[in-house]
PDB file of N, CA and C in Angstrom:
ATOM      1  N   UNK A   1      11.374  -1.670  24.490  1.00  0.00           N
ATOM      2  CA  UNK A   1      10.929  -0.685  23.535  1.00  0.00           C
ATOM      3  C   UNK A   1      10.396  -1.424  22.304  1.00  0.00           C
ATOM      4  N   UNK A   2       9.176  -1.077  21.898  1.00  0.00           N
ATOM      5  CA  UNK A   2       8.586  -1.666  20.701  1.00  0.00           C
ATOM      6  C   UNK A   2       8.670  -0.675  19.548  1.00  0.00           C
ATOM      7  N   UNK A   3       9.017  -1.167  18.387  1.00  0.00           N
ATOM      8  CA  UNK A   3       9.008  -0.341  17.186  1.00  0.00           C
ATOM      9  C   UNK A   3       8.259  -1.085  16.097  1.00  0.00           C
ATOM     10  N   UNK A   4       7.533  -0.330  15.300  1.00  0.00           N
ATOM     11  CA  UNK A   4       6.808  -0.919  14.179  1.00  0.00           C
ATOM     12  C   UNK A   4       7.313  -0.291  12.889  1.00  0.00           C
ATOM     13  N   UNK A   5       7.478  -1.137  11.879  1.00  0.00           N
ATOM     14  CA  UNK A   5       7.939  -0.698  10.565  1.00  0.00           C
ATOM     15  C   UNK A   5       6.937  -1.157   9.523  1.00  0.00           C
ATOM     16  N   UNK A   6       6.572  -0.250   8.628  1.00  0.00           N
ATOM     17  CA  UNK A   6       5.707  -0.593   7.502  1.00  0.00           C
ATOM     18  C   UNK A   6       6.597  -0.879   6.305  1.00  0.00           C
ATOM     19  N   UNK A   7       6.459  -2.063   5.726  1.00  0.00           N
ATOM     20  CA  UNK A   7       7.195  -2.452   4.521  1.00  0.00           C
ATOM     21  C   UNK A   7       6.199  -2.617   3.383  1.00  0.00           C
ATOM     22  N   UNK A   8       6.405  -1.848   2.321  1.00  0.00           N
ATOM     23  CA  UNK A   8       5.560  -1.952   1.129  1.00  0.00           C
ATOM     24  C   UNK A   8       6.445  -2.445  -0.006  1.00  0.00           C
ATOM     25  N   UNK A   9       6.015  -3.505  -0.667  1.00  0.00           N
ATOM     26  CA  UNK A   9       6.768  -4.060  -1.787  1.00  0.00           C
ATOM     27  C   UNK A   9       6.032  -3.742  -3.079  1.00  0.00           C
ATOM     28  N   UNK A  10       6.767  -3.181  -4.019  1.00  0.00           N
ATOM     29  CA  UNK A  10       6.245  -2.868  -5.343  1.00  0.00           C
ATOM     30  C   UNK A  10       6.878  -3.828  -6.335  1.00  0.00           C
ATOM     31  N   UNK A  11       6.203  -4.076  -7.441  1.00  0.00           N
ATOM     32  CA  UNK A  11       6.733  -4.952  -8.481  1.00  0.00           C
ATOM     33  C   UNK A  11       7.069  -4.113  -9.707  1.00  0.00           C
ATOM     34  N   UNK A  12       8.102  -4.524 -10.438  1.00  0.00           N
ATOM     35  CA  UNK A  12       8.493  -3.822 -11.657  1.00  0.00           C
ATOM     36  C   UNK A  12       8.079  -4.632 -12.880  1.00  0.00           C
ATOM     37  N   UNK A  13       8.162  -4.012 -14.039  1.00  0.00           N
ATOM     38  CA  UNK A  13       7.859  -4.708 -15.289  1.00  0.00           C
ATOM     39  C   UNK A  13       8.814  -5.875 -15.500  1.00  0.00           C
ATOM     40  N   UNK A  14       9.993  -5.813 -14.902  1.00  0.00           N
ATOM     41  CA  UNK A  14      10.993  -6.878 -15.016  1.00  0.00           C
ATOM     42  C   UNK A  14      10.843  -7.931 -13.908  1.00  0.00           C
ATOM     43  N   UNK A  15       9.740  -7.882 -13.162  1.00  0.00           N
ATOM     44  CA  UNK A  15       9.458  -8.833 -12.079  1.00  0.00           C
ATOM     45  C   UNK A  15      10.472  -8.752 -10.935  1.00  0.00           C
ATOM     46  N   UNK A  16      11.046  -7.578 -10.707  1.00  0.00           N
ATOM     47  CA  UNK A  16      11.994  -7.384  -9.611  1.00  0.00           C
ATOM     48  C   UNK A  16      11.302  -6.553  -8.528  1.00  0.00           C
ATOM     49  N   UNK A  17      11.363  -7.010  -7.277  1.00  0.00           N
ATOM     50  CA  UNK A  17      10.697  -6.263  -6.208  1.00  0.00           C
ATOM     51  C   UNK A  17      11.488  -5.024  -5.776  1.00  0.00           C
ATOM     52  N   UNK A  18      10.759  -3.982  -5.441  1.00  0.00           N
ATOM     53  CA  UNK A  18      11.314  -2.759  -4.871  1.00  0.00           C
ATOM     54  C   UNK A  18      10.626  -2.594  -3.516  1.00  0.00           C
ATOM     55  N   UNK A  19      11.404  -2.482  -2.433  1.00  0.00           N
ATOM     56  CA  UNK A  19      10.806  -2.391  -1.101  1.00  0.00           C
ATOM     57  C   UNK A  19      11.018  -1.009  -0.504  1.00  0.00           C
ATOM     58  N   UNK A  20       9.950  -0.484   0.046  1.00  0.00           N
ATOM     59  CA  UNK A  20       9.979   0.789   0.761  1.00  0.00           C
ATOM     60  C   UNK A  20       9.697   0.483   2.229  1.00  0.00           C
ATOM     61  N   UNK A  21      10.627   0.831   3.122  1.00  0.00           N
ATOM     62  CA  UNK A  21      10.468   0.590   4.557  1.00  0.00           C
ATOM     63  C   UNK A  21      10.312   1.918   5.279  1.00  0.00           C
ATOM     64  N   UNK A  22       9.257   2.021   6.069  1.00  0.00           N
ATOM     65  CA  UNK A  22       8.977   3.234   6.825  1.00  0.00           C
ATOM     66  C   UNK A  22       8.998   2.901   8.314  1.00  0.00           C
ATOM     67  N   UNK A  23      10.055   3.299   9.031  1.00  0.00           N
ATOM     68  CA  UNK A  23      10.167   2.965  10.456  1.00  0.00           C
ATOM     69  C   UNK A  23       9.311   3.881  11.332  1.00  0.00           C
ATOM     70  N   UNK A  24       9.066   3.424  12.547  1.00  0.00           N
ATOM     71  CA  UNK A  24       8.367   4.212  13.574  1.00  0.00           C
ATOM     72  C   UNK A  24       7.024   4.728  13.073  1.00  0.00           C
ATOM     73  N   UNK A  25       6.200   3.814  12.591  1.00  0.00           N
ATOM     74  CA  UNK A  25       4.924   4.207  11.999  1.00  0.00           C
ATOM     75  C   UNK A  25       3.882   4.528  13.060  1.00  0.00           C
ATOM     76  N   UNK A  26       2.847   5.227  12.626  1.00  0.00           N
ATOM     77  CA  UNK A  26       1.705   5.565  13.456  1.00  0.00           C
ATOM     78  C   UNK A  26       0.917   4.296  13.768  1.00  0.00           C
ATOM     79  N   UNK A  27       0.407   4.202  14.964  1.00  0.00           N
ATOM     80  CA  UNK A  27      -0.344   3.015  15.381  1.00  0.00           C
ATOM     81  C   UNK A  27      -1.690   2.895  14.665  1.00  0.00           C
ATOM     82  N   UNK A  28      -2.207   3.972  14.099  1.00  0.00           N
ATOM     83  CA  UNK A  28      -3.562   3.992  13.549  1.00  0.00           C
ATOM     84  C   UNK A  28      -3.637   3.650  12.062  1.00  0.00           C
ATOM     85  N   UNK A  29      -2.730   2.844  11.565  1.00  0.00           N
ATOM     86  CA  UNK A  29      -2.772   2.471  10.153  1.00  0.00           C
ATOM     87  C   UNK A  29      -3.893   1.480   9.886  1.00  0.00           C
ATOM     88  N   UNK A  30      -4.525   1.642   8.722  1.00  0.00           N
ATOM     89  CA  UNK A  30      -5.526   0.679   8.276  1.00  0.00           C
ATOM     90  C   UNK A  30      -5.118   0.158   6.910  1.00  0.00           C
ATOM     91  N   UNK A  31      -5.681  -0.967   6.538  1.00  0.00           N
ATOM     92  CA  UNK A  31      -5.401  -1.549   5.224  1.00  0.00           C
ATOM     93  C   UNK A  31      -5.774  -0.564   4.116  1.00  0.00           C
ATOM     94  N   UNK A  32      -6.912   0.092   4.269  1.00  0.00           N
ATOM     95  CA  UNK A  32      -7.394   1.028   3.253  1.00  0.00           C
ATOM     96  C   UNK A  32      -6.463   2.234   3.108  1.00  0.00           C
ATOM     97  N   UNK A  33      -5.993   2.768   4.233  1.00  0.00           N
ATOM     98  CA  UNK A  33      -5.091   3.920   4.207  1.00  0.00           C
ATOM     99  C   UNK A  33      -3.766   3.566   3.536  1.00  0.00           C
ATOM    100  N   UNK A  34      -3.202   2.427   3.912  1.00  0.00           N
ATOM    101  CA  UNK A  34      -1.924   2.006   3.327  1.00  0.00           C
ATOM    102  C   UNK A  34      -2.086   1.758   1.829  1.00  0.00           C
ATOM    103  N   UNK A  35      -3.167   1.102   1.425  1.00  0.00           N
ATOM    104  CA  UNK A  35      -3.400   0.826   0.000  1.00  0.00           C
ATOM    105  C   UNK A  35      -3.533   2.126  -0.793  1.00  0.00           C
ATOM    106  N   UNK A  36      -4.267   3.086  -0.259  1.00  0.00           N
ATOM    107  CA  UNK A  36      -4.453   4.364  -0.952  1.00  0.00           C
ATOM    108  C   UNK A  36      -3.135   5.118  -1.092  1.00  0.00           C
ATOM    109  N   UNK A  37      -2.338   5.158  -0.024  1.00  0.00           N
ATOM    110  CA  UNK A  37      -1.068   5.877  -0.078  1.00  0.00           C
ATOM    111  C   UNK A  37      -0.048   5.161  -0.966  1.00  0.00           C
ATOM    112  N   UNK A  38      -0.055   3.836  -0.949  1.00  0.00           N
ATOM    113  CA  UNK A  38       0.849   3.076  -1.823  1.00  0.00           C
ATOM    114  C   UNK A  38       0.498   3.328  -3.286  1.00  0.00           C
ATOM    115  N   UNK A  39      -0.799   3.417  -3.596  1.00  0.00           N
ATOM    116  CA  UNK A  39      -1.217   3.728  -4.969  1.00  0.00           C
ATOM    117  C   UNK A  39      -0.757   5.123  -5.385  1.00  0.00           C
ATOM    118  N   UNK A  40      -0.800   6.075  -4.458  1.00  0.00           N
ATOM    119  CA  UNK A  40      -0.317   7.429  -4.764  1.00  0.00           C
ATOM    120  C   UNK A  40       1.181   7.412  -5.069  1.00  0.00           C
ATOM    121  N   UNK A  41       1.936   6.661  -4.265  1.00  0.00           N
ATOM    122  CA  UNK A  41       3.384   6.543  -4.497  1.00  0.00           C
ATOM    123  C   UNK A  41       3.636   5.921  -5.862  1.00  0.00           C
ATOM    124  N   UNK A  42       2.868   4.896  -6.201  1.00  0.00           N
ATOM    125  CA  UNK A  42       3.007   4.230  -7.499  1.00  0.00           C
ATOM    126  C   UNK A  42       2.749   5.213  -8.644  1.00  0.00           C
ATOM    127  N   UNK A  43       1.693   6.009  -8.535  1.00  0.00           N
ATOM    128  CA  UNK A  43       1.338   6.964  -9.596  1.00  0.00           C
ATOM    129  C   UNK A  43       2.367   8.084  -9.736  1.00  0.00           C
ATOM    130  N   UNK A  44       3.043   8.442  -8.637  1.00  0.00           N
ATOM    131  CA  UNK A  44       4.077   9.481  -8.702  1.00  0.00           C
ATOM    132  C   UNK A  44       5.345   8.998  -9.400  1.00  0.00           C
ATOM    133  N   UNK A  45       5.501   7.677  -9.507  1.00  0.00           N
ATOM    134  CA  UNK A  45       6.633   7.068 -10.212  1.00  0.00           C
ATOM    135  C   UNK A  45       7.985   7.519  -9.635  1.00  0.00           C
ATOM    136  N   UNK A  46       8.066   7.601  -8.313  1.00  0.00           N
ATOM    137  CA  UNK A  46       9.301   8.071  -7.678  1.00  0.00           C
ATOM    138  C   UNK A  46      10.224   6.938  -7.243  1.00  0.00           C
ATOM    139  N   UNK A  47       9.767   5.701  -7.346  1.00  0.00           N
ATOM    140  CA  UNK A  47      10.581   4.568  -6.905  1.00  0.00           C
ATOM    141  C   UNK A  47      11.213   3.794  -8.055  1.00  0.00           C
ATOM    142  N   UNK A  48      10.967   4.213  -9.278  1.00  0.00           N
ATOM    143  CA  UNK A  48      11.496   3.478 -10.427  1.00  0.00           C
ATOM    144  C   UNK A  48      12.984   3.743 -10.611  1.00  0.00           C
ATOM    145  N   UNK A  49      13.817   2.693 -10.460  1.00  0.00           N
ATOM    146  CA  UNK A  49      15.242   2.869 -10.736  1.00  0.00           C
ATOM    147  C   UNK A  49      15.464   3.031 -12.243  1.00  0.00           C
ATOM    148  N   UNK A  50      16.620   3.544 -12.641  1.00  0.00           N
ATOM    149  CA  UNK A  50      16.891   3.709 -14.072  1.00  0.00           C
ATOM    150  C   UNK A  50      16.713   2.388 -14.834  1.00  0.00           C
ATOM    151  N   UNK A  51      15.977   2.446 -15.923  1.00  0.00           N
ATOM    152  CA  UNK A  51      15.774   1.269 -16.763  1.00  0.00           C
ATOM    153  C   UNK A  51      14.683   0.333 -16.285  1.00  0.00           C
ATOM    154  N   UNK A  52      13.998   0.685 -15.195  1.00  0.00           N
ATOM    155  CA  UNK A  52      12.914  -0.157 -14.677  1.00  0.00           C
ATOM    156  C   UNK A  52      11.671   0.691 -14.462  1.00  0.00           C
ATOM    157  N   UNK A  53      10.518   0.062 -14.608  1.00  0.00           N
ATOM    158  CA  UNK A  53       9.249   0.739 -14.379  1.00  0.00           C
ATOM    159  C   UNK A  53       8.489   0.003 -13.283  1.00  0.00           C
ATOM    160  N   UNK A  54       8.190   0.693 -12.184  1.00  0.00           N
ATOM    161  CA  UNK A  54       7.375   0.101 -11.127  1.00  0.00           C
ATOM    162  C   UNK A  54       5.944   0.041 -11.643  1.00  0.00           C
ATOM    163  N   UNK A  55       5.342  -1.155 -11.569  1.00  0.00           N
ATOM    164  CA  UNK A  55       4.045  -1.370 -12.202  1.00  0.00           C
ATOM    165  C   UNK A  55       2.887  -1.595 -11.242  1.00  0.00           C
ATOM    166  N   UNK A  56       3.156  -2.121 -10.041  1.00  0.00           N
ATOM    167  CA  UNK A  56       2.050  -2.400  -9.127  1.00  0.00           C
ATOM    168  C   UNK A  56       2.534  -2.503  -7.686  1.00  0.00           C
ATOM    169  N   UNK A  57       1.576  -2.352  -6.777  1.00  0.00           N
ATOM    170  CA  UNK A  57       1.838  -2.595  -5.363  1.00  0.00           C
ATOM    171  C   UNK A  57       1.626  -4.085  -5.143  1.00  0.00           C
ATOM    172  N   UNK A  58       2.628  -4.748  -4.599  1.00  0.00           N
ATOM    173  CA  UNK A  58       2.554  -6.203  -4.433  1.00  0.00           C
ATOM    174  C   UNK A  58       2.094  -6.592  -3.030  1.00  0.00           C
ATOM    175  N   UNK A  59       2.779  -6.096  -1.994  1.00  0.00           N
ATOM    176  CA  UNK A  59       2.418  -6.437  -0.615  1.00  0.00           C
ATOM    177  C   UNK A  59       2.670  -5.255   0.307  1.00  0.00           C
ATOM    178  N   UNK A  60       2.027  -5.309   1.457  1.00  0.00           N
ATOM    179  CA  UNK A  60       2.293  -4.355   2.536  1.00  0.00           C
ATOM    180  C   UNK A  60       2.179  -5.127   3.843  1.00  0.00           C
ATOM    181  N   UNK A  61       3.134  -4.878   4.734  1.00  0.00           N
ATOM    182  CA  UNK A  61       3.096  -5.561   6.028  1.00  0.00           C
ATOM    183  C   UNK A  61       3.704  -4.677   7.101  1.00  0.00           C
ATOM    184  N   UNK A  62       3.247  -4.894   8.321  1.00  0.00           N
ATOM    185  CA  UNK A  62       3.792  -4.195   9.478  1.00  0.00           C
ATOM    186  C   UNK A  62       4.601  -5.201  10.280  1.00  0.00           C
ATOM    187  N   UNK A  63       5.838  -4.835  10.571  1.00  0.00           N
ATOM    188  CA  UNK A  63       6.703  -5.660  11.408  1.00  0.00           C
ATOM    189  C   UNK A  63       6.772  -5.005  12.781  1.00  0.00           C
ATOM    190  N   UNK A  64       6.413  -5.764  13.797  1.00  0.00           N
ATOM    191  CA  UNK A  64       6.446  -5.283  15.176  1.00  0.00           C
ATOM    192  C   UNK A  64       7.645  -5.919  15.861  1.00  0.00           C
ATOM    193  N   UNK A  65       8.589  -5.087  16.289  1.00  0.00           N
ATOM    194  CA  UNK A  65       9.834  -5.594  16.850  1.00  0.00           C
ATOM    195  C   UNK A  65      10.018  -5.054  18.266  1.00  0.00           C
ATOM    196  N   UNK A  66      10.400  -5.935  19.170  1.00  0.00           N
ATOM    197  CA  UNK A  66      10.727  -5.537  20.532  1.00  0.00           C
ATOM    198  C   UNK A  66      12.240  -5.450  20.663  1.00  0.00           C
ATOM    199  N   UNK A  67      12.710  -4.310  21.142  1.00  0.00           N
ATOM    200  CA  UNK A  67      14.141  -4.097  21.325  1.00  0.00           C
ATOM    201  C   UNK A  67      14.418  -4.014  22.821  1.00  0.00           C
ATOM    202  N   UNK A  68      15.331  -4.838  23.283  1.00  0.00           N
ATOM    203  CA  UNK A  68      15.743  -4.819  24.682  1.00  0.00           C
ATOM    204  C   UNK A  68      17.166  -4.281  24.754  1.00  0.00           C
ATOM    205  N   UNK A  69      17.326  -3.135  25.400  1.00  0.00           N
ATOM    206  CA  UNK A  69      18.645  -2.523  25.539  1.00  0.00           C
ATOM    207  C   UNK A  69      19.338  -3.166  26.733  1.00  0.00           C
ATOM    208  N   UNK A  70      20.480  -3.751  26.492  1.00  0.00           N
ATOM    209  CA  UNK A  70      21.220  -4.434  27.547  1.00  0.00           C
ATOM    210  C   UNK A  70      22.111  -3.492  28.344  1.00  0.00           C
ATOM    211  N   UNK A  71      22.730  -2.544  27.687  1.00  0.00           N
ATOM    212  CA  UNK A  71      23.520  -1.522  28.384  1.00  0.00           C
ATOM    213  C   UNK A  71      23.759  -0.365  27.466  1.00  0.00           C
TER     214      UNK A  71
END
């Protein structure tokens, strides 16, 4: 069984990374789509922990993992 996870890393004003992981992603992701949606998340300011301000999208990557069920 293959699973893909999208990991988007945001940076804060304090230089601390905030990571958003989205499991079981759609196969049809593009760089442009991910960048646009990450910018929307940034503008909504929903990932800022108390006392920190998320300032930019730093990285985005897809992790492709194969899971072998033994029993």
